[in-house]
């Protein structure tokens, strides 16, 4: 089995790190505004990368500003993708809404809305009980979950009448 090379910073990436490979997005409709550096996907949206699949009714992607200085190799890469959303730019922020589901091996997250900020490796799930179910770490739910994909940290917030809740599996029969 071929082994993955470690990234230049030497840190291992978790399953939620979108830098692991190409991203494919499918939807019923797409509108792209180059001047606003924004793509909006609507209807049965499915975003997939090698480590996760996101499904939602809508997805808006905001791209980083294009660098004014380009090397010839970068310029060629951009021109070969002419007309493609983002035109070779990086994703600055992605906003998903409408029955959001994010599935990774051993984990599923759900909410009414999700915001992904790649530079911070952060996903913010909101909704009347946003939830993360992890086969090893248990279940967490609240009105707002902030999940850091690089190190698996989760911050949970609740509201009056809708408390935050975490349930972790307990190993029985082990002695210390």
Protein backbone atom coordinates (compact mmCIF):
# COMPACT_ATOMS: atom_id res chain seq x y z
CA UNK A 1 0.00 0.00 0.00
CA UNK A 2 1.51 3.39 -0.92
CA UNK A 3 2.06 5.70 2.03
CA UNK A 4 1.07 9.35 2.04
CA UNK A 5 3.93 11.83 2.27
CA UNK A 6 3.88 14.04 5.33
CA UNK A 7 3.09 17.67 4.57
CA UNK A 8 6.00 20.17 4.65
CA UNK A 9 5.11 21.35 8.16
CA UNK A 10 5.35 17.75 9.42
CA UNK A 11 1.86 17.84 10.99
CA UNK A 12 -0.59 15.08 10.26
CA UNK A 13 -3.84 16.20 8.71
CA UNK A 14 -7.16 15.01 10.02
CA UNK A 15 -10.02 13.71 7.92
CA UNK A 16 -11.53 17.19 7.65
CA UNK A 17 -8.52 18.86 6.02
CA UNK A 18 -9.62 19.80 2.50
CA UNK A 19 -6.03 20.28 1.34
CA UNK A 20 -5.69 16.51 0.89
CA UNK A 21 -6.82 16.51 -2.71
CA UNK A 22 -9.24 17.80 -5.32
CA UNK A 23 -12.72 18.99 -4.47
CA UNK A 24 -15.68 18.09 -6.68
CA UNK A 25 -18.99 19.93 -6.34
CA UNK A 26 -22.27 18.91 -7.97
CA UNK A 27 -25.65 20.65 -7.77
CA UNK A 28 -28.79 21.34 -9.78
CA UNK A 29 -27.72 24.92 -10.57
CA UNK A 30 -24.59 27.06 -10.36
CA UNK A 31 -24.23 30.81 -10.56
CA UNK A 32 -20.75 32.26 -10.58
CA UNK A 33 -19.80 35.93 -10.22
CA UNK A 34 -16.13 36.48 -11.02
CA UNK A 35 -16.08 40.13 -9.89
CA UNK A 36 -17.48 39.12 -6.48
CA UNK A 37 -15.28 35.99 -6.38
CA UNK A 38 -18.33 33.96 -5.40
CA UNK A 39 -19.96 30.74 -6.56
CA UNK A 40 -23.48 29.72 -5.46
CA UNK A 41 -24.65 26.13 -5.87
CA UNK A 42 -28.35 25.32 -5.37
CA UNK A 43 -30.37 22.14 -5.17
CA UNK A 44 -29.05 18.74 -4.07
CA UNK A 45 -25.53 20.07 -3.47
CA UNK A 46 -22.80 17.50 -2.96
CA UNK A 47 -19.22 18.57 -2.23
CA UNK A 48 -16.70 15.77 -2.07
CA UNK A 49 -12.98 15.64 -1.34
CA UNK A 50 -10.90 12.53 -0.58
CA UNK A 51 -11.70 12.71 3.15
CA UNK A 52 -15.28 14.02 3.46
CA UNK A 53 -18.62 14.53 1.74
CA UNK A 54 -20.88 17.52 2.40
CA UNK A 55 -24.52 17.55 1.33
CA UNK A 56 -26.88 20.54 1.57
CA UNK A 57 -29.57 22.41 -0.32
CA UNK A 58 -27.32 25.43 -0.97
CA UNK A 59 -23.61 26.16 -0.90
CA UNK A 60 -21.91 29.52 -1.35
CA UNK A 61 -18.15 29.61 -1.84
CA UNK A 62 -16.14 32.80 -1.45
CA UNK A 63 -12.73 32.72 -3.09
CA UNK A 64 -9.56 34.54 -2.05
CA UNK A 65 -8.49 37.53 -4.13
CA UNK A 66 -6.30 36.61 -7.05
CA UNK A 67 -2.66 37.55 -6.61
CA UNK A 68 -1.62 40.31 -9.03
CA UNK A 69 1.81 38.74 -9.61
CA UNK A 70 1.75 35.36 -11.32
CA UNK A 71 4.52 33.11 -12.43
CA UNK A 72 4.05 31.71 -15.97
CA UNK A 73 3.18 28.29 -14.50
CA UNK A 74 0.45 29.79 -12.32
CA UNK A 75 -0.85 31.92 -15.18
CA UNK A 76 -1.07 28.81 -17.39
CA UNK A 77 -2.87 26.88 -14.66
CA UNK A 78 -5.38 29.72 -14.35
CA UNK A 79 -5.95 30.01 -18.08
CA UNK A 80 -6.46 26.26 -18.45
CA UNK A 81 -9.38 26.58 -16.05
CA UNK A 82 -10.96 29.60 -17.73
CA UNK A 83 -14.62 29.83 -16.86
CA UNK A 84 -14.33 27.49 -13.88
CA UNK A 85 -15.62 28.84 -10.56
CA UNK A 86 -12.75 30.28 -8.57
CA UNK A 87 -10.48 30.18 -11.62
CA UNK A 88 -7.72 28.45 -9.64
CA UNK A 89 -8.15 30.57 -6.48
CA UNK A 90 -8.27 29.18 -2.95
CA UNK A 91 -11.50 28.88 -0.97
CA UNK A 92 -11.65 31.59 1.68
CA UNK A 93 -14.98 30.52 3.17
CA UNK A 94 -17.79 28.09 2.34
CA UNK A 95 -21.35 28.53 3.63
CA UNK A 96 -23.76 25.59 3.39
CA UNK A 97 -27.45 25.75 4.32
CA UNK A 98 -30.52 23.55 4.32
CA UNK A 99 -30.25 20.09 5.92
CA UNK A 100 -26.45 20.10 6.03
CA UNK A 101 -24.70 16.76 6.45
CA UNK A 102 -20.91 16.23 6.59
CA UNK A 103 -19.75 12.61 6.51
CA UNK A 104 -16.22 11.41 7.22
CA UNK A 105 -15.01 7.92 8.07
CA UNK A 106 -16.44 7.16 11.54
CA UNK A 107 -18.10 10.57 11.92
CA UNK A 108 -21.23 12.40 10.80
CA UNK A 109 -22.12 16.04 11.49
CA UNK A 110 -25.52 17.60 10.85
CA UNK A 111 -27.09 21.03 11.17
CA UNK A 112 -29.21 23.58 9.34
CA UNK A 113 -26.16 25.64 8.43
CA UNK A 114 -22.40 25.10 8.24
CA UNK A 115 -19.56 27.54 7.72
CA UNK A 116 -16.12 26.23 6.74
CA UNK A 117 -13.05 28.43 7.09
CA UNK A 118 -10.09 26.53 5.55
CA UNK A 119 -7.34 28.87 6.80
CA UNK A 120 -8.43 28.11 10.38
CA UNK A 121 -9.39 24.47 9.74
CA UNK A 122 -12.70 25.37 11.37
CA UNK A 123 -16.30 24.24 10.76
CA UNK A 124 -19.17 26.00 12.55
CA UNK A 125 -22.44 24.06 12.59
CA UNK A 126 -25.66 25.73 13.71
CA UNK A 127 -29.31 24.82 13.88
CA UNK A 128 -31.91 23.52 16.25
CA UNK A 129 -29.60 20.85 17.40
CA UNK A 130 -26.49 20.76 15.35
CA UNK A 131 -24.85 17.43 16.10
CA UNK A 132 -21.68 15.42 15.62
CA UNK A 133 -21.78 11.66 15.99
CA UNK A 134 -18.38 9.98 16.23
CA UNK A 135 -18.09 6.19 16.47
CA UNK A 136 -15.12 6.46 18.87
CA UNK A 137 -15.72 9.73 20.74
CA UNK A 138 -19.49 9.69 21.14
CA UNK A 139 -22.20 12.22 20.33
CA UNK A 140 -22.26 15.97 20.85
CA UNK A 141 -25.15 18.32 20.16
CA UNK A 142 -26.02 21.96 20.73
CA UNK A 143 -27.33 25.02 18.96
CA UNK A 144 -23.79 25.85 17.80
CA UNK A 145 -20.82 23.50 17.40
CA UNK A 146 -17.39 24.78 16.43
CA UNK A 147 -15.18 21.94 15.23
CA UNK A 148 -11.48 22.25 14.44
CA UNK A 149 -10.56 19.68 11.81
CA UNK A 150 -6.82 19.69 12.43
CA UNK A 151 -6.94 18.56 16.06
CA UNK A 152 -10.55 17.34 16.59
CA UNK A 153 -11.42 20.02 19.20
CA UNK A 154 -15.13 20.81 19.56
CA UNK A 155 -16.69 23.80 21.32
CA UNK A 156 -20.39 23.38 22.10
CA UNK A 157 -22.94 26.08 22.84
CA UNK A 158 -26.53 25.74 23.93
CA UNK A 159 -29.40 28.11 24.65
CA UNK A 160 -31.99 28.30 27.42
CA UNK A 161 -34.28 25.31 26.91
CA UNK A 162 -31.78 23.71 24.51
CA UNK A 163 -28.73 22.75 26.56
CA UNK A 164 -25.49 21.52 25.01
CA UNK A 165 -24.96 17.79 25.49
CA UNK A 166 -22.10 15.35 25.02
CA UNK A 167 -22.36 11.58 25.44
CA UNK A 168 -19.15 9.59 25.37
CA UNK A 169 -18.84 5.83 25.24
CA UNK A 170 -17.59 4.30 28.49
CA UNK A 171 -15.46 1.19 28.46
CA UNK A 172 -16.75 -1.29 31.00
CA UNK A 173 -14.70 -3.97 32.66
CA UNK A 174 -11.32 -2.24 32.42
CA UNK A 175 -9.28 -1.87 35.56
CA UNK A 176 -6.81 0.86 36.37
